[in-house]
Amino acid sequence: MASVGTIFAKLGLKGVDANLLTAIRGIVMALIVSLAALSFGKLTVTALSSLSSKQWLFVVLSGLGGALSWIF
């Protein structure tokens, strides 16, 4: 499925700034994944508060690394 997104981007978005597209794509993906997690009952206050500080740190670092890999 990831390749489908790349094909759509190349076909219909020529000449649009890649960083802008990456930001919009990230927002869309975050919304869809969040809605899926909510619908499966996985994204709850209890689940979020059960993460330790160390786990939060590594989730944030993982997200940062992923974002930087998209940009650079």
N, C-alpha and C. Protein backbone atom coordinates (compact mmCIF):
# COMPACT_ATOMS: atom_id res chain seq x y z
N MET A 1 0.81 -1.21 0.00
CA MET A 1 0.00 0.00 0.00
C MET A 1 0.85 1.26 0.00
N ALA A 2 2.04 1.22 0.59
CA ALA A 2 2.89 2.42 0.64
C ALA A 2 3.28 2.86 -0.76
N SER A 3 3.47 1.90 -1.65
CA SER A 3 3.85 2.25 -3.01
C SER A 3 2.72 2.97 -3.74
N VAL A 4 1.49 2.69 -3.38
CA VAL A 4 0.35 3.38 -3.99
C VAL A 4 0.40 4.87 -3.67
N GLY A 5 0.74 5.19 -2.44
CA GLY A 5 0.86 6.60 -2.05
C GLY A 5 1.93 7.31 -2.84
N THR A 6 3.05 6.64 -3.06
CA THR A 6 4.13 7.22 -3.85
C THR A 6 3.69 7.45 -5.29
N ILE A 7 2.98 6.49 -5.85
CA ILE A 7 2.50 6.62 -7.23
C ILE A 7 1.53 7.80 -7.34
N PHE A 8 0.59 7.92 -6.40
CA PHE A 8 -0.35 9.04 -6.41
C PHE A 8 0.39 10.37 -6.32
N ALA A 9 1.38 10.44 -5.45
CA ALA A 9 2.14 11.68 -5.28
C ALA A 9 2.87 12.05 -6.56
N LYS A 10 3.46 11.09 -7.22
CA LYS A 10 4.22 11.38 -8.44
C LYS A 10 3.30 11.76 -9.60
N LEU A 11 2.15 11.14 -9.69
CA LEU A 11 1.24 11.40 -10.80
C LEU A 11 0.53 12.74 -10.69
N GLY A 12 0.02 13.05 -9.52
CA GLY A 12 -0.85 14.21 -9.40
C GLY A 12 -0.28 15.43 -8.73
N LEU A 13 0.96 15.36 -8.27
CA LEU A 13 1.47 16.46 -7.46
C LEU A 13 2.79 17.01 -7.97
N LYS A 14 3.00 16.95 -9.25
CA LYS A 14 4.24 17.48 -9.83
C LYS A 14 4.31 18.98 -9.61
N GLY A 15 5.48 19.47 -9.22
CA GLY A 15 5.69 20.89 -9.04
C GLY A 15 5.31 21.42 -7.66
N VAL A 16 4.77 20.57 -6.80
CA VAL A 16 4.41 21.00 -5.45
C VAL A 16 5.59 20.70 -4.52
N ASP A 17 5.87 21.61 -3.59
CA ASP A 17 7.00 21.45 -2.68
C ASP A 17 6.91 20.13 -1.91
N ALA A 18 8.00 19.38 -1.94
CA ALA A 18 8.04 18.06 -1.30
C ALA A 18 7.84 18.15 0.21
N ASN A 19 8.38 19.18 0.85
CA ASN A 19 8.22 19.31 2.30
C ASN A 19 6.77 19.61 2.68
N LEU A 20 6.09 20.41 1.87
CA LEU A 20 4.67 20.67 2.11
C LEU A 20 3.87 19.38 1.98
N LEU A 21 4.15 18.62 0.93
CA LEU A 21 3.45 17.35 0.74
C LEU A 21 3.72 16.38 1.89
N THR A 22 4.94 16.35 2.36
CA THR A 22 5.29 15.47 3.47
C THR A 22 4.53 15.87 4.73
N ALA A 23 4.41 17.16 4.98
CA ALA A 23 3.66 17.63 6.15
C ALA A 23 2.19 17.24 6.05
N ILE A 24 1.59 17.46 4.90
CA ILE A 24 0.18 17.12 4.72
C ILE A 24 -0.02 15.62 4.82
N ARG A 25 0.85 14.85 4.18
CA ARG A 25 0.77 13.39 4.23
C ARG A 25 0.89 12.90 5.67
N GLY A 26 1.79 13.50 6.44
CA GLY A 26 1.96 13.11 7.84
C GLY A 26 0.71 13.39 8.67
N ILE A 27 0.07 14.53 8.41
CA ILE A 27 -1.16 14.87 9.13
C ILE A 27 -2.27 13.88 8.80
N VAL A 28 -2.42 13.57 7.51
CA VAL A 28 -3.45 12.61 7.09
C VAL A 28 -3.19 11.25 7.72
N MET A 29 -1.95 10.80 7.68
CA MET A 29 -1.60 9.50 8.26
C MET A 29 -1.86 9.48 9.76
N ALA A 30 -1.49 10.56 10.46
CA ALA A 30 -1.71 10.63 11.91
C ALA A 30 -3.20 10.55 12.24
N LEU A 31 -4.02 11.24 11.46
CA LEU A 31 -5.46 11.20 11.69
C LEU A 31 -6.02 9.80 11.49
N ILE A 32 -5.63 9.15 10.40
CA ILE A 32 -6.16 7.82 10.11
C ILE A 32 -5.71 6.80 11.15
N VAL A 33 -4.43 6.84 11.51
CA VAL A 33 -3.92 5.90 12.51
C VAL A 33 -4.57 6.16 13.87
N SER A 34 -4.77 7.43 14.22
CA SER A 34 -5.41 7.76 15.49
C SER A 34 -6.86 7.28 15.52
N LEU A 35 -7.57 7.48 14.42
CA LEU A 35 -8.96 7.00 14.35
C LEU A 35 -9.03 5.48 14.44
N ALA A 36 -8.09 4.80 13.79
CA ALA A 36 -8.06 3.34 13.87
C ALA A 36 -7.79 2.89 15.30
N ALA A 37 -6.83 3.51 15.96
CA ALA A 37 -6.51 3.15 17.34
C ALA A 37 -7.70 3.42 18.26
N LEU A 38 -8.39 4.54 18.04
CA LEU A 38 -9.59 4.84 18.83
C LEU A 38 -10.67 3.80 18.60
N SER A 39 -10.90 3.44 17.35
CA SER A 39 -11.96 2.49 17.04
C SER A 39 -11.67 1.10 17.59
N PHE A 40 -10.40 0.74 17.73
CA PHE A 40 -10.03 -0.56 18.31
C PHE A 40 -9.88 -0.49 19.83
N GLY A 41 -10.13 0.69 20.41
CA GLY A 41 -10.04 0.86 21.85
C GLY A 41 -8.62 0.87 22.40
N LYS A 42 -7.65 1.15 21.54
CA LYS A 42 -6.25 1.14 21.96
C LYS A 42 -5.74 2.52 22.38
N LEU A 43 -6.38 3.57 21.91
CA LEU A 43 -5.94 4.93 22.22
C LEU A 43 -6.83 5.48 23.32
N THR A 44 -6.43 5.21 24.56
CA THR A 44 -7.20 5.65 25.72
C THR A 44 -6.30 6.42 26.67
N VAL A 45 -6.91 7.18 27.55
CA VAL A 45 -6.14 7.90 28.56
C VAL A 45 -5.38 6.91 29.42
N THR A 46 -6.01 5.80 29.75
CA THR A 46 -5.36 4.78 30.57
C THR A 46 -4.13 4.22 29.86
N ALA A 47 -4.27 3.92 28.57
CA ALA A 47 -3.14 3.37 27.81
C ALA A 47 -2.00 4.39 27.72
N LEU A 48 -2.35 5.64 27.46
CA LEU A 48 -1.31 6.67 27.34
C LEU A 48 -0.62 6.92 28.67
N SER A 49 -1.39 6.93 29.75
CA SER A 49 -0.80 7.21 31.06
C SER A 49 -0.01 6.02 31.60
N SER A 50 -0.21 4.84 31.02
CA SER A 50 0.53 3.67 31.49
C SER A 50 1.97 3.63 30.95
N LEU A 51 2.27 4.47 29.97
CA LEU A 51 3.63 4.50 29.43
C LEU A 51 4.57 5.20 30.41
N SER A 52 5.73 4.62 30.60
CA SER A 52 6.72 5.22 31.50
C SER A 52 7.40 6.40 30.80
N SER A 53 8.12 7.18 31.56
CA SER A 53 8.87 8.30 30.98
C SER A 53 9.87 7.81 29.94
N LYS A 54 10.52 6.69 30.23
CA LYS A 54 11.48 6.12 29.28
C LYS A 54 10.78 5.71 27.99
N GLN A 55 9.61 5.09 28.10
CA GLN A 55 8.87 4.69 26.91
C GLN A 55 8.44 5.90 26.09
N TRP A 56 7.97 6.95 26.77
CA TRP A 56 7.61 8.19 26.07
C TRP A 56 8.81 8.77 25.34
N LEU A 57 9.96 8.77 26.01
CA LEU A 57 11.17 9.28 25.39
C LEU A 57 11.48 8.54 24.10
N PHE A 58 11.40 7.22 24.14
CA PHE A 58 11.74 6.45 22.95
C PHE A 58 10.67 6.55 21.87
N VAL A 59 9.41 6.71 22.24
CA VAL A 59 8.36 6.96 21.24
C VAL A 59 8.63 8.28 20.53
N VAL A 60 8.95 9.31 21.31
CA VAL A 60 9.23 10.63 20.73
C VAL A 60 10.48 10.58 19.86
N LEU A 61 11.54 9.93 20.34
CA LEU A 61 12.76 9.82 19.54
C LEU A 61 12.52 9.03 18.25
N SER A 62 11.71 8.00 18.33
CA SER A 62 11.36 7.22 17.14
C SER A 62 10.60 8.08 16.14
N GLY A 63 9.65 8.86 16.63
CA GLY A 63 8.90 9.76 15.75
C GLY A 63 9.79 10.82 15.14
N LEU A 64 10.70 11.34 15.93
CA LEU A 64 11.65 12.33 15.44
C LEU A 64 12.53 11.74 14.34
N GLY A 65 13.03 10.55 14.58
CA GLY A 65 13.86 9.88 13.58
C GLY A 65 13.09 9.61 12.29
N GLY A 66 11.85 9.17 12.43
CA GLY A 66 11.02 8.93 11.26
C GLY A 66 10.74 10.21 10.48
N ALA A 67 10.43 11.28 11.20
CA ALA A 67 10.17 12.56 10.54
C ALA A 67 11.41 13.07 9.81
N LEU A 68 12.56 12.97 10.46
CA LEU A 68 13.79 13.43 9.82
C LEU A 68 14.14 12.59 8.60
N SER A 69 13.81 11.30 8.64
CA SER A 69 14.09 10.45 7.48
C SER A 69 13.21 10.83 6.29
N TRP A 70 12.02 11.35 6.55
CA TRP A 70 11.15 11.79 5.46
C TRP A 70 11.66 13.09 4.86
N ILE A 71 12.24 13.95 5.70
CA ILE A 71 12.66 15.27 5.24
C ILE A 71 14.01 15.24 4.55
N PHE A 72 14.93 14.45 5.07
CA PHE A 72 16.30 14.45 4.52
C PHE A 72 16.60 13.19 3.76
